[in-house]
Amino acid sequence: MTRIVPAGRYAASRLRTPSEVAALPARHGLTDGGICDFKPHRVRGLIAGVRARRAGRVTDDVLEAMVRFALAPGSKPLVTYLGHARKGRL
């Protein structure tokens, strides 16, 4: 819909829900460190970045600096999220 990434870069079969990500560490002998929401610093920056990327004015390496994504601990993951784990106990 937004077409900000080249076609075919992401396959739906590779996407995982937060609960699926949370279940992975134990399967690999790791301690789950939790999942954190990952969102743009400012919505305006995201909109400007999407428009510039769609128009071909910026590339992916520039887009990251324009949008400035940030972690949002304690926030419910809605779209983009990161999971982390550690070897051994926390």
PDB file of N, CA and C in Angstrom:
ATOM      1  N   MET A   1       0.809  -1.197   0.000  1.00  0.00           N
ATOM      2  CA  MET A   1       0.000   0.000   0.000  1.00  0.00           C
ATOM      3  C   MET A   1       0.858   1.270   0.000  1.00  0.00           C
ATOM      4  N   THR A   2       1.883   1.318   0.851  1.00  0.00           N
ATOM      5  CA  THR A   2       2.705   2.524   0.897  1.00  0.00           C
ATOM      6  C   THR A   2       3.811   2.507  -0.145  1.00  0.00           C
ATOM      7  N   ARG A   3       4.218   1.315  -0.555  1.00  0.00           N
ATOM      8  CA  ARG A   3       5.271   1.154  -1.554  1.00  0.00           C
ATOM      9  C   ARG A   3       6.556   1.894  -1.206  1.00  0.00           C
ATOM     10  N   ILE A   4       6.937   1.874   0.068  1.00  0.00           N
ATOM     11  CA  ILE A   4       8.176   2.553   0.438  1.00  0.00           C
ATOM     12  C   ILE A   4       9.379   1.634   0.359  1.00  0.00           C
ATOM     13  N   VAL A   5       9.138   0.337   0.185  1.00  0.00           N
ATOM     14  CA  VAL A   5      10.239  -0.608   0.014  1.00  0.00           C
ATOM     15  C   VAL A   5      10.064  -1.305  -1.327  1.00  0.00           C
ATOM     16  N   PRO A   6      11.140  -1.755  -1.912  1.00  0.00           N
ATOM     17  CA  PRO A   6      11.034  -2.444  -3.196  1.00  0.00           C
ATOM     18  C   PRO A   6      10.124  -3.678  -3.109  1.00  0.00           C
ATOM     19  N   ALA A   7       9.401  -3.943  -4.166  1.00  0.00           N
ATOM     20  CA  ALA A   7       8.498  -5.092  -4.222  1.00  0.00           C
ATOM     21  C   ALA A   7       9.251  -6.379  -3.917  1.00  0.00           C
ATOM     22  N   GLY A   8       8.643  -7.241  -3.122  1.00  0.00           N
ATOM     23  CA  GLY A   8       9.230  -8.531  -2.816  1.00  0.00           C
ATOM     24  C   GLY A   8      10.245  -8.539  -1.690  1.00  0.00           C
ATOM     25  N   ARG A   9      10.554  -7.383  -1.111  1.00  0.00           N
ATOM     26  CA  ARG A   9      11.562  -7.353  -0.046  1.00  0.00           C
ATOM     27  C   ARG A   9      11.087  -8.124   1.180  1.00  0.00           C
ATOM     28  N   TYR A  10       9.835  -7.980   1.534  1.00  0.00           N
ATOM     29  CA  TYR A  10       9.292  -8.662   2.701  1.00  0.00           C
ATOM     30  C   TYR A  10       8.225  -9.651   2.269  1.00  0.00           C
ATOM     31  N   ALA A  11       8.323 -10.866   2.770  1.00  0.00           N
ATOM     32  CA  ALA A  11       7.336 -11.893   2.453  1.00  0.00           C
ATOM     33  C   ALA A  11       6.464 -12.116   3.687  1.00  0.00           C
ATOM     34  N   ALA A  12       5.164 -12.191   3.493  1.00  0.00           N
ATOM     35  CA  ALA A  12       4.239 -12.387   4.601  1.00  0.00           C
ATOM     36  C   ALA A  12       4.588 -13.640   5.404  1.00  0.00           C
ATOM     37  N   SER A  13       5.131 -14.638   4.752  1.00  0.00           N
ATOM     38  CA  SER A  13       5.475 -15.887   5.439  1.00  0.00           C
ATOM     39  C   SER A  13       6.598 -15.699   6.468  1.00  0.00           C
ATOM     40  N   ARG A  14       7.346 -14.599   6.372  1.00  0.00           N
ATOM     41  CA  ARG A  14       8.442 -14.336   7.312  1.00  0.00           C
ATOM     42  C   ARG A  14       8.000 -13.528   8.523  1.00  0.00           C
ATOM     43  N   LEU A  15       6.814 -12.935   8.478  1.00  0.00           N
ATOM     44  CA  LEU A  15       6.341 -12.096   9.574  1.00  0.00           C
ATOM     45  C   LEU A  15       5.904 -12.952  10.752  1.00  0.00           C
ATOM     46  N   ARG A  16       6.162 -12.475  11.975  1.00  0.00           N
ATOM     47  CA  ARG A  16       5.804 -13.199  13.194  1.00  0.00           C
ATOM     48  C   ARG A  16       5.028 -12.277  14.124  1.00  0.00           C
ATOM     49  N   THR A  17       4.054 -12.839  14.827  1.00  0.00           N
ATOM     50  CA  THR A  17       3.284 -12.076  15.804  1.00  0.00           C
ATOM     51  C   THR A  17       4.137 -11.902  17.064  1.00  0.00           C
ATOM     52  N   PRO A  18       3.786 -10.937  17.941  1.00  0.00           N
ATOM     53  CA  PRO A  18       4.533 -10.789  19.193  1.00  0.00           C
ATOM     54  C   PRO A  18       4.568 -12.081  20.011  1.00  0.00           C
ATOM     55  N   SER A  19       3.463 -12.831  20.062  1.00  0.00           N
ATOM     56  CA  SER A  19       3.456 -14.071  20.842  1.00  0.00           C
ATOM     57  C   SER A  19       4.384 -15.118  20.233  1.00  0.00           C
ATOM     58  N   GLU A  20       4.494 -15.159  18.906  1.00  0.00           N
ATOM     59  CA  GLU A  20       5.422 -16.091  18.260  1.00  0.00           C
ATOM     60  C   GLU A  20       6.866 -15.701  18.565  1.00  0.00           C
ATOM     61  N   VAL A  21       7.155 -14.405  18.546  1.00  0.00           N
ATOM     62  CA  VAL A  21       8.510 -13.935  18.852  1.00  0.00           C
ATOM     63  C   VAL A  21       8.851 -14.268  20.302  1.00  0.00           C
ATOM     64  N   ALA A  22       7.897 -14.101  21.221  1.00  0.00           N
ATOM     65  CA  ALA A  22       8.138 -14.382  22.633  1.00  0.00           C
ATOM     66  C   ALA A  22       8.424 -15.856  22.888  1.00  0.00           C
ATOM     67  N   ALA A  23       7.873 -16.752  22.071  1.00  0.00           N
ATOM     68  CA  ALA A  23       8.063 -18.191  22.265  1.00  0.00           C
ATOM     69  C   ALA A  23       9.413 -18.691  21.741  1.00  0.00           C
ATOM     70  N   LEU A  24      10.063 -17.960  20.879  1.00  0.00           N
ATOM     71  CA  LEU A  24      11.310 -18.411  20.258  1.00  0.00           C
ATOM     72  C   LEU A  24      12.502 -18.579  21.202  1.00  0.00           C
ATOM     73  N   PRO A  25      12.761 -17.663  22.133  1.00  0.00           N
ATOM     74  CA  PRO A  25      13.965 -17.799  22.960  1.00  0.00           C
ATOM     75  C   PRO A  25      14.073 -19.138  23.694  1.00  0.00           C
ATOM     76  N   ALA A  26      13.002 -19.595  24.309  1.00  0.00           N
ATOM     77  CA  ALA A  26      13.045 -20.852  25.071  1.00  0.00           C
ATOM     78  C   ALA A  26      13.417 -22.029  24.180  1.00  0.00           C
ATOM     79  N   ARG A  27      12.943 -22.022  22.954  1.00  0.00           N
ATOM     80  CA  ARG A  27      13.271 -23.097  22.017  1.00  0.00           C
ATOM     81  C   ARG A  27      14.755 -23.181  21.714  1.00  0.00           C
ATOM     82  N   HIS A  28      15.458 -22.085  21.942  1.00  0.00           N
ATOM     83  CA  HIS A  28      16.885 -22.021  21.623  1.00  0.00           C
ATOM     84  C   HIS A  28      17.756 -21.865  22.868  1.00  0.00           C
ATOM     85  N   GLY A  29      17.186 -22.161  24.036  1.00  0.00           N
ATOM     86  CA  GLY A  29      17.954 -22.101  25.272  1.00  0.00           C
ATOM     87  C   GLY A  29      18.280 -20.697  25.751  1.00  0.00           C
ATOM     88  N   LEU A  30      17.462 -19.730  25.374  1.00  0.00           N
ATOM     89  CA  LEU A  30      17.693 -18.341  25.759  1.00  0.00           C
ATOM     90  C   LEU A  30      16.622 -17.868  26.737  1.00  0.00           C
ATOM     91  N   THR A  31      16.932 -16.829  27.504  1.00  0.00           N
ATOM     92  CA  THR A  31      15.974 -16.224  28.421  1.00  0.00           C
ATOM     93  C   THR A  31      15.319 -15.044  27.716  1.00  0.00           C
ATOM     94  N   ASP A  32      14.000 -15.068  27.663  1.00  0.00           N
ATOM     95  CA  ASP A  32      13.241 -14.006  26.993  1.00  0.00           C
ATOM     96  C   ASP A  32      13.434 -12.688  27.724  1.00  0.00           C
ATOM     97  N   GLY A  33      13.788 -11.651  27.001  1.00  0.00           N
ATOM     98  CA  GLY A  33      13.971 -10.319  27.571  1.00  0.00           C
ATOM     99  C   GLY A  33      12.802  -9.406  27.303  1.00  0.00           C
ATOM    100  N   GLY A  34      11.794  -9.907  26.593  1.00  0.00           N
ATOM    101  CA  GLY A  34      10.610  -9.111  26.333  1.00  0.00           C
ATOM    102  C   GLY A  34      10.533  -8.576  24.912  1.00  0.00           C
ATOM    103  N   ILE A  35       9.406  -7.966  24.640  1.00  0.00           N
ATOM    104  CA  ILE A  35       9.135  -7.369  23.330  1.00  0.00           C
ATOM    105  C   ILE A  35       8.843  -5.893  23.548  1.00  0.00           C
ATOM    106  N   CYS A  36       9.351  -5.068  22.673  1.00  0.00           N
ATOM    107  CA  CYS A  36       9.189  -3.624  22.804  1.00  0.00           C
ATOM    108  C   CYS A  36       8.660  -3.045  21.484  1.00  0.00           C
ATOM    109  N   ASP A  37       7.704  -2.136  21.609  1.00  0.00           N
ATOM    110  CA  ASP A  37       7.180  -1.425  20.447  1.00  0.00           C
ATOM    111  C   ASP A  37       8.292  -0.571  19.846  1.00  0.00           C
ATOM    112  N   PHE A  38       8.262  -0.412  18.560  1.00  0.00           N
ATOM    113  CA  PHE A  38       9.279   0.303  17.796  1.00  0.00           C
ATOM    114  C   PHE A  38       8.518   1.222  16.860  1.00  0.00           C
ATOM    115  N   LYS A  39       8.544   2.529  17.097  1.00  0.00           N
ATOM    116  CA  LYS A  39       7.717   3.442  16.310  1.00  0.00           C
ATOM    117  C   LYS A  39       8.474   4.709  15.919  1.00  0.00           C
ATOM    118  N   PRO A  40       7.924   5.462  14.959  1.00  0.00           N
ATOM    119  CA  PRO A  40       8.610   6.685  14.536  1.00  0.00           C
ATOM    120  C   PRO A  40       8.616   7.724  15.651  1.00  0.00           C
ATOM    121  N   HIS A  41       9.690   8.487  15.718  1.00  0.00           N
ATOM    122  CA  HIS A  41       9.814   9.546  16.713  1.00  0.00           C
ATOM    123  C   HIS A  41       8.681  10.560  16.543  1.00  0.00           C
ATOM    124  N   ARG A  42       8.406  10.927  15.303  1.00  0.00           N
ATOM    125  CA  ARG A  42       7.312  11.863  14.992  1.00  0.00           C
ATOM    126  C   ARG A  42       6.551  11.345  13.779  1.00  0.00           C
ATOM    127  N   VAL A  43       5.231  11.417  13.828  1.00  0.00           N
ATOM    128  CA  VAL A  43       4.406  10.961  12.712  1.00  0.00           C
ATOM    129  C   VAL A  43       4.711  11.783  11.457  1.00  0.00           C
ATOM    130  N   ARG A  44       4.950  13.076  11.621  1.00  0.00           N
ATOM    131  CA  ARG A  44       5.280  13.922  10.457  1.00  0.00           C
ATOM    132  C   ARG A  44       6.541  13.445   9.749  1.00  0.00           C
ATOM    133  N   GLY A  45       7.515  12.995  10.526  1.00  0.00           N
ATOM    134  CA  GLY A  45       8.749  12.471   9.934  1.00  0.00           C
ATOM    135  C   GLY A  45       8.486  11.215   9.126  1.00  0.00           C
ATOM    136  N   LEU A  46       7.588  10.360   9.631  1.00  0.00           N
ATOM    137  CA  LEU A  46       7.226   9.146   8.905  1.00  0.00           C
ATOM    138  C   LEU A  46       6.524   9.493   7.598  1.00  0.00           C
ATOM    139  N   ILE A  47       5.575  10.410   7.661  1.00  0.00           N
ATOM    140  CA  ILE A  47       4.840  10.810   6.449  1.00  0.00           C
ATOM    141  C   ILE A  47       5.787  11.426   5.423  1.00  0.00           C
ATOM    142  N   ALA A  48       6.667  12.321   5.875  1.00  0.00           N
ATOM    143  CA  ALA A  48       7.628  12.949   4.953  1.00  0.00           C
ATOM    144  C   ALA A  48       8.547  11.897   4.353  1.00  0.00           C
ATOM    145  N   GLY A  49       8.989  10.952   5.158  1.00  0.00           N
ATOM    146  CA  GLY A  49       9.864   9.898   4.672  1.00  0.00           C
ATOM    147  C   GLY A  49       9.187   9.006   3.648  1.00  0.00           C
ATOM    148  N   VAL A  50       7.935   8.623   3.930  1.00  0.00           N
ATOM    149  CA  VAL A  50       7.187   7.775   2.996  1.00  0.00           C
ATOM    150  C   VAL A  50       7.001   8.490   1.666  1.00  0.00           C
ATOM    151  N   ARG A  51       6.617   9.748   1.732  1.00  0.00           N
ATOM    152  CA  ARG A  51       6.410  10.521   0.487  1.00  0.00           C
ATOM    153  C   ARG A  51       7.707  10.661  -0.309  1.00  0.00           C
ATOM    154  N   ALA A  52       8.790  10.971   0.373  1.00  0.00           N
ATOM    155  CA  ALA A  52      10.080  11.136  -0.314  1.00  0.00           C
ATOM    156  C   ALA A  52      10.551   9.818  -0.919  1.00  0.00           C
ATOM    157  N   ARG A  53      10.337   8.703  -0.200  1.00  0.00           N
ATOM    158  CA  ARG A  53      10.766   7.388  -0.709  1.00  0.00           C
ATOM    159  C   ARG A  53       9.943   7.001  -1.922  1.00  0.00           C
ATOM    160  N   ARG A  54       8.633   7.212  -1.849  1.00  0.00           N
ATOM    161  CA  ARG A  54       7.753   6.872  -2.977  1.00  0.00           C
ATOM    162  C   ARG A  54       8.088   7.689  -4.212  1.00  0.00           C
ATOM    163  N   ALA A  55       8.484   8.946  -3.996  1.00  0.00           N
ATOM    164  CA  ALA A  55       8.816   9.831  -5.121  1.00  0.00           C
ATOM    165  C   ALA A  55      10.222   9.583  -5.650  1.00  0.00           C
ATOM    166  N   GLY A  56      10.985   8.751  -4.955  1.00  0.00           N
ATOM    167  CA  GLY A  56      12.349   8.461  -5.400  1.00  0.00           C
ATOM    168  C   GLY A  56      13.358   9.523  -5.021  1.00  0.00           C
ATOM    169  N   ARG A  57      12.986  10.431  -4.108  1.00  0.00           N
ATOM    170  CA  ARG A  57      13.906  11.499  -3.699  1.00  0.00           C
ATOM    171  C   ARG A  57      14.919  11.035  -2.665  1.00  0.00           C
ATOM    172  N   VAL A  58      14.612   9.937  -1.972  1.00  0.00           N
ATOM    173  CA  VAL A  58      15.555   9.393  -0.983  1.00  0.00           C
ATOM    174  C   VAL A  58      15.638   7.884  -1.150  1.00  0.00           C
ATOM    175  N   THR A  59      16.718   7.323  -0.632  1.00  0.00           N
ATOM    176  CA  THR A  59      16.905   5.873  -0.647  1.00  0.00           C
ATOM    177  C   THR A  59      16.698   5.342   0.772  1.00  0.00           C
ATOM    178  N   ASP A  60      16.705   4.021   0.933  1.00  0.00           N
ATOM    179  CA  ASP A  60      16.468   3.413   2.239  1.00  0.00           C
ATOM    180  C   ASP A  60      17.453   3.898   3.296  1.00  0.00           C
ATOM    181  N   ASP A  61      18.724   4.097   2.927  1.00  0.00           N
ATOM    182  CA  ASP A  61      19.709   4.517   3.920  1.00  0.00           C
ATOM    183  C   ASP A  61      19.434   5.922   4.454  1.00  0.00           C
ATOM    184  N   VAL A  62      18.817   6.785   3.680  1.00  0.00           N
ATOM    185  CA  VAL A  62      18.462   8.141   4.111  1.00  0.00           C
ATOM    186  C   VAL A  62      17.133   8.120   4.870  1.00  0.00           C
ATOM    187  N   LEU A  63      16.253   7.237   4.486  1.00  0.00           N
ATOM    188  CA  LEU A  63      14.921   7.143   5.094  1.00  0.00           C
ATOM    189  C   LEU A  63      15.005   6.916   6.598  1.00  0.00           C
ATOM    190  N   GLU A  64      15.922   6.084   7.024  1.00  0.00           N
ATOM    191  CA  GLU A  64      16.065   5.792   8.459  1.00  0.00           C
ATOM    192  C   GLU A  64      16.308   7.068   9.270  1.00  0.00           C
ATOM    193  N   ALA A  65      17.185   7.933   8.805  1.00  0.00           N
ATOM    194  CA  ALA A  65      17.484   9.176   9.514  1.00  0.00           C
ATOM    195  C   ALA A  65      16.294  10.134   9.491  1.00  0.00           C
ATOM    196  N   MET A  66      15.519  10.127   8.427  1.00  0.00           N
ATOM    197  CA  MET A  66      14.350  11.008   8.330  1.00  0.00           C
ATOM    198  C   MET A  66      13.255  10.608   9.322  1.00  0.00           C
ATOM    199  N   VAL A  67      13.032   9.328   9.441  1.00  0.00           N
ATOM    200  CA  VAL A  67      11.933   8.832  10.270  1.00  0.00           C
ATOM    201  C   VAL A  67      12.321   8.757  11.744  1.00  0.00           C
ATOM    202  N   ARG A  68      13.564   8.400  12.039  1.00  0.00           N
ATOM    203  CA  ARG A  68      14.063   8.292  13.409  1.00  0.00           C
ATOM    204  C   ARG A  68      13.164   7.418  14.277  1.00  0.00           C
ATOM    205  N   PHE A  69      13.193   6.125  14.035  1.00  0.00           N
ATOM    206  CA  PHE A  69      12.426   5.190  14.849  1.00  0.00           C
ATOM    207  C   PHE A  69      13.022   5.115  16.251  1.00  0.00           C
ATOM    208  N   ALA A  70      12.161   4.878  17.239  1.00  0.00           N
ATOM    209  CA  ALA A  70      12.599   4.786  18.630  1.00  0.00           C
ATOM    210  C   ALA A  70      11.860   3.662  19.337  1.00  0.00           C
ATOM    211  N   LEU A  71      12.514   3.095  20.338  1.00  0.00           N
ATOM    212  CA  LEU A  71      11.874   2.076  21.157  1.00  0.00           C
ATOM    213  C   LEU A  71      10.857   2.741  22.075  1.00  0.00           C
ATOM    214  N   ALA A  72       9.768   2.038  22.357  1.00  0.00           N
ATOM    215  CA  ALA A  72       8.713   2.558  23.233  1.00  0.00           C
ATOM    216  C   ALA A  72       8.364   1.500  24.276  1.00  0.00           C
ATOM    217  N   PRO A  73       9.237   1.294  25.274  1.00  0.00           N
ATOM    218  CA  PRO A  73       8.968   0.279  26.301  1.00  0.00           C
ATOM    219  C   PRO A  73       7.644   0.539  27.003  1.00  0.00           C
ATOM    220  N   GLY A  74       6.922  -0.527  27.299  1.00  0.00           N
ATOM    221  CA  GLY A  74       5.636  -0.404  27.986  1.00  0.00           C
ATOM    222  C   GLY A  74       4.469  -0.116  27.069  1.00  0.00           C
ATOM    223  N   SER A  75       4.744   0.184  25.830  1.00  0.00           N
ATOM    224  CA  SER A  75       3.706   0.452  24.851  1.00  0.00           C
ATOM    225  C   SER A  75       3.327  -0.854  24.163  1.00  0.00           C
ATOM    226  N   LYS A  76       2.046  -1.051  23.897  1.00  0.00           N
ATOM    227  CA  LYS A  76       1.598  -2.275  23.231  1.00  0.00           C
ATOM    228  C   LYS A  76       2.087  -2.273  21.784  1.00  0.00           C
ATOM    229  N   PRO A  77       2.832  -3.320  21.382  1.00  0.00           N
ATOM    230  CA  PRO A  77       3.291  -3.384  19.987  1.00  0.00           C
ATOM    231  C   PRO A  77       2.113  -3.483  19.027  1.00  0.00           C
ATOM    232  N   LEU A  78       2.034  -2.548  18.087  1.00  0.00           N
ATOM    233  CA  LEU A  78       0.936  -2.545  17.124  1.00  0.00           C
ATOM    234  C   LEU A  78       1.382  -2.989  15.742  1.00  0.00           C
ATOM    235  N   VAL A  79       2.484  -2.438  15.265  1.00  0.00           N
ATOM    236  CA  VAL A  79       2.923  -2.738  13.906  1.00  0.00           C
ATOM    237  C   VAL A  79       4.340  -3.284  13.892  1.00  0.00           C
ATOM    238  N   THR A  80       5.274  -2.508  14.400  1.00  0.00           N
ATOM    239  CA  THR A  80       6.675  -2.899  14.373  1.00  0.00           C
ATOM    240  C   THR A  80       7.166  -3.079  15.793  1.00  0.00           C
ATOM    241  N   TYR A  81       7.851  -4.175  16.047  1.00  0.00           N
ATOM    242  CA  TYR A  81       8.318  -4.450  17.393  1.00  0.00           C
ATOM    243  C   TYR A  81       9.607  -5.250  17.343  1.00  0.00           C
ATOM    244  N   LEU A  82      10.335  -5.193  18.436  1.00  0.00           N
ATOM    245  CA  LEU A  82      11.597  -5.902  18.563  1.00  0.00           C
ATOM    246  C   LEU A  82      11.515  -6.825  19.770  1.00  0.00           C
ATOM    247  N   GLY A  83      12.051  -8.008  19.620  1.00  0.00           N
ATOM    248  CA  GLY A  83      12.172  -8.920  20.745  1.00  0.00           C
ATOM    249  C   GLY A  83      13.642  -9.108  21.038  1.00  0.00           C
ATOM    250  N   HIS A  84      13.968  -9.380  22.301  1.00  0.00           N
ATOM    251  CA  HIS A  84      15.375  -9.652  22.619  1.00  0.00           C
ATOM    252  C   HIS A  84      15.453 -10.752  23.666  1.00  0.00           C
ATOM    253  N   ALA A  85      16.591 -11.405  23.712  1.00  0.00           N
ATOM    254  CA  ALA A  85      16.816 -12.509  24.634  1.00  0.00           C
ATOM    255  C   ALA A  85      18.292 -12.540  25.007  1.00  0.00           C
ATOM    256  N   ARG A  86      18.568 -13.286  26.083  1.00  0.00           N
ATOM    257  CA  ARG A  86      19.949 -13.431  26.537  1.00  0.00           C
ATOM    258  C   ARG A  86      20.263 -14.896  26.762  1.00  0.00           C
ATOM    259  N   LYS A  87      21.520 -15.202  26.617  1.00  0.00           N
ATOM    260  CA  LYS A  87      21.980 -16.556  26.915  1.00  0.00           C
ATOM    261  C   LYS A  87      22.087 -16.654  28.437  1.00  0.00           C
ATOM    262  N   GLY A  88      21.457 -17.647  29.025  1.00  0.00           N
ATOM    263  CA  GLY A  88      21.452 -17.795  30.472  1.00  0.00           C
ATOM    264  C   GLY A  88      20.295 -17.068  31.111  1.00  0.00           C
ATOM    265  N   ARG A  89      20.402 -16.791  32.395  1.00  0.00           N
ATOM    266  CA  ARG A  89      19.312 -16.144  33.145  1.00  0.00           C
ATOM    267  C   ARG A  89      19.498 -14.634  33.185  1.00  0.00           C
ATOM    268  N   LEU A  90      18.361 -13.929  33.250  1.00  0.00           N
ATOM    269  CA  LEU A  90      18.406 -12.464  33.389  1.00  0.00           C
ATOM    270  C   LEU A  90      18.627 -12.080  34.827  1.00  0.00           C
TER     271      LEU A  90
END
